[in-house]
Amino acid sequence: MVRSVVGIVVGCAAVFALGTMAGAVVFHGTPPQGIPGATLATMLLVMDGLAAIAGGYLAAAIARRRPRTHGLAVGVVYVLVVQLAPAALAPFTHPTAGPPLWFTAAATAIVIVGATIGGAARHQIAHG
C-alpha cells in the first residue's frame, strides 16, 4: 500500500515537473496569455503526453505491482489535482484568460492515456 501511494505521488510529481519544463520550453519568448498558435499548442500536448508516460512508468516501477492500474491512477490523480481543481475554483478566484475548452479536454485525455501507457510499458519491460 505504501509503495502504491509513494509511486502515485512520485509519478504525479514527475508529470508536473516534466510538463512544467515542457511548458517553459514551448512558451519561451511568447506571452503566456491563453494558448499559442496551433503548432505550439500541439508541441505542448505532445510534451504533456511524454511527461505522462514517464510519470506512469515511474509510478509502476515504484509500486512493483499492477503497473497499468498505477499508471492510470497517476493520470486520474494528476488531472483531478492539477487540471480540474484550479478550473473548478476559477470562478471564486481571480478569473484569467485560460486555455480553450478543447485544449483542456485534449490535455486531460492525453495525460490519462499517456500515464496508462507508461504503466503498461513498465509491465512489458518487467515481464517481457
Protein backbone atom coordinates (compact mmCIF):
# COMPACT_ATOMS: atom_id res chain seq x y z
CA MET A 1 0.00 0.00 0.00
CA VAL A 2 2.76 2.44 0.91
CA ARG A 3 4.61 1.69 -2.33
CA SER A 4 1.42 2.38 -4.27
CA VAL A 5 0.85 5.76 -2.64
CA VAL A 6 4.51 6.74 -2.98
CA GLY A 7 4.53 5.61 -6.61
CA ILE A 8 1.44 7.63 -7.49
CA VAL A 9 2.72 10.75 -5.69
CA VAL A 10 6.16 10.49 -7.31
CA GLY A 11 4.57 9.79 -10.70
CA CYS A 12 2.34 12.86 -10.40
CA ALA A 13 5.32 14.96 -9.33
CA ALA A 14 7.26 13.73 -12.36
CA VAL A 15 4.39 14.60 -14.72
CA PHE A 16 4.12 18.04 -13.14
CA ALA A 17 7.88 18.71 -13.25
CA LEU A 18 8.36 17.45 -16.80
CA GLY A 19 5.18 19.18 -18.00
CA THR A 20 6.27 22.44 -16.41
CA MET A 21 9.68 22.21 -18.06
CA ALA A 22 7.98 21.46 -21.38
CA GLY A 23 5.73 24.48 -20.90
CA ALA A 24 8.77 26.65 -20.23
CA VAL A 25 10.32 25.44 -23.48
CA VAL A 26 7.14 25.96 -25.50
CA PHE A 27 6.29 29.37 -24.05
CA HIS A 28 9.86 30.69 -24.11
CA GLY A 29 9.73 34.06 -25.77
CA THR A 30 5.93 34.16 -26.08
CA PRO A 31 3.49 35.73 -23.67
CA PRO A 32 1.66 33.07 -21.62
CA GLN A 33 -1.79 34.51 -22.31
CA GLY A 34 -4.12 31.72 -23.32
CA ILE A 35 -2.91 29.14 -25.78
CA PRO A 36 -0.43 29.99 -28.52
CA GLY A 37 -0.85 29.04 -32.15
CA ALA A 38 -1.66 25.55 -33.33
CA THR A 39 1.98 24.49 -33.68
CA LEU A 40 2.91 25.49 -30.14
CA ALA A 41 -0.30 24.00 -28.73
CA THR A 42 0.47 20.71 -30.48
CA MET A 43 4.02 20.75 -29.12
CA LEU A 44 2.71 21.34 -25.62
CA LEU A 45 0.23 18.46 -25.88
CA VAL A 46 2.92 16.11 -27.18
CA MET A 47 5.27 17.09 -24.36
CA ASP A 48 2.50 16.61 -21.80
CA GLY A 49 1.90 13.15 -23.23
CA LEU A 50 5.57 12.25 -22.94
CA ALA A 51 5.67 13.58 -19.37
CA ALA A 52 2.61 11.47 -18.53
CA ILE A 53 4.22 8.35 -20.00
CA ALA A 54 7.30 8.95 -17.84
CA GLY A 55 5.18 9.56 -14.72
CA GLY A 56 3.09 6.42 -15.27
CA TYR A 57 6.21 4.35 -15.86
CA LEU A 58 7.84 5.71 -12.72
CA ALA A 59 4.77 5.02 -10.59
CA ALA A 60 4.54 1.47 -11.90
CA ALA A 61 8.23 0.87 -11.25
CA ILE A 62 7.96 2.09 -7.66
CA ALA A 63 4.73 0.22 -6.91
CA ARG A 64 6.03 -3.05 -8.44
CA ARG A 65 2.54 -4.49 -8.86
CA ARG A 66 -0.44 -3.75 -11.08
CA PRO A 67 1.55 -1.39 -13.30
CA ARG A 68 -1.30 -0.38 -15.61
CA THR A 69 -3.51 0.47 -12.65
CA HIS A 70 -0.82 2.63 -11.08
CA GLY A 71 -0.21 4.38 -14.39
CA LEU A 72 -3.92 5.07 -14.74
CA ALA A 73 -4.05 6.33 -11.14
CA VAL A 74 -1.27 8.81 -11.90
CA GLY A 75 -3.23 10.17 -14.85
CA VAL A 76 -6.50 10.45 -12.95
CA VAL A 77 -4.98 11.98 -9.80
CA TYR A 78 -2.91 14.41 -11.84
CA VAL A 79 -5.94 15.55 -13.84
CA LEU A 80 -8.06 15.98 -10.71
CA VAL A 81 -5.44 17.86 -8.71
CA VAL A 82 -3.54 19.86 -11.30
CA GLN A 83 -6.02 20.47 -14.10
CA LEU A 84 -9.60 20.25 -12.87
CA ALA A 85 -9.33 21.61 -9.32
CA PRO A 86 -7.96 25.02 -10.42
CA ALA A 87 -10.59 25.19 -13.16
CA ALA A 88 -13.35 24.50 -10.64
CA LEU A 89 -12.02 27.17 -8.29
CA ALA A 90 -11.52 29.79 -11.02
CA PRO A 91 -14.94 31.46 -10.59
CA PHE A 92 -14.14 32.04 -6.91
CA THR A 93 -10.67 33.41 -7.52
CA HIS A 94 -9.36 35.94 -9.99
CA PRO A 95 -10.64 34.87 -13.40
CA THR A 96 -7.96 34.90 -16.05
CA ALA A 97 -7.92 34.07 -19.72
CA GLY A 98 -7.19 30.37 -19.73
CA PRO A 99 -6.91 27.82 -22.46
CA PRO A 100 -9.95 26.99 -24.56
CA LEU A 101 -12.10 24.02 -23.57
CA TRP A 102 -10.83 21.84 -26.43
CA PHE A 103 -7.25 22.21 -25.21
CA THR A 104 -8.16 21.31 -21.62
CA ALA A 105 -10.13 18.27 -22.84
CA ALA A 106 -7.27 17.15 -25.08
CA ALA A 107 -4.69 17.61 -22.31
CA THR A 108 -6.88 15.65 -19.90
CA ALA A 109 -7.24 12.73 -22.29
CA ILE A 110 -3.57 12.77 -23.24
CA VAL A 111 -2.37 12.75 -19.63
CA ILE A 112 -4.67 9.88 -18.61
CA VAL A 113 -3.87 7.78 -21.66
CA GLY A 114 -0.15 8.64 -21.54
CA ALA A 115 0.23 7.68 -17.89
CA THR A 116 -1.60 4.41 -18.54
CA ILE A 117 0.72 3.70 -21.47
CA GLY A 118 3.68 4.38 -19.17
CA GLY A 119 2.38 1.80 -16.69
CA ALA A 120 1.79 -0.71 -19.50
CA ALA A 121 5.31 -0.09 -20.81
CA ARG A 122 6.72 -0.86 -17.39
CA HIS A 123 4.70 -4.11 -17.36
CA GLN A 124 6.08 -5.09 -20.78
CA ILE A 125 9.65 -4.36 -19.77
CA ALA A 126 9.37 -6.16 -16.44
CA HIS A 127 7.51 -9.22 -17.75
CA GLY A 128 8.82 -9.43 -21.28
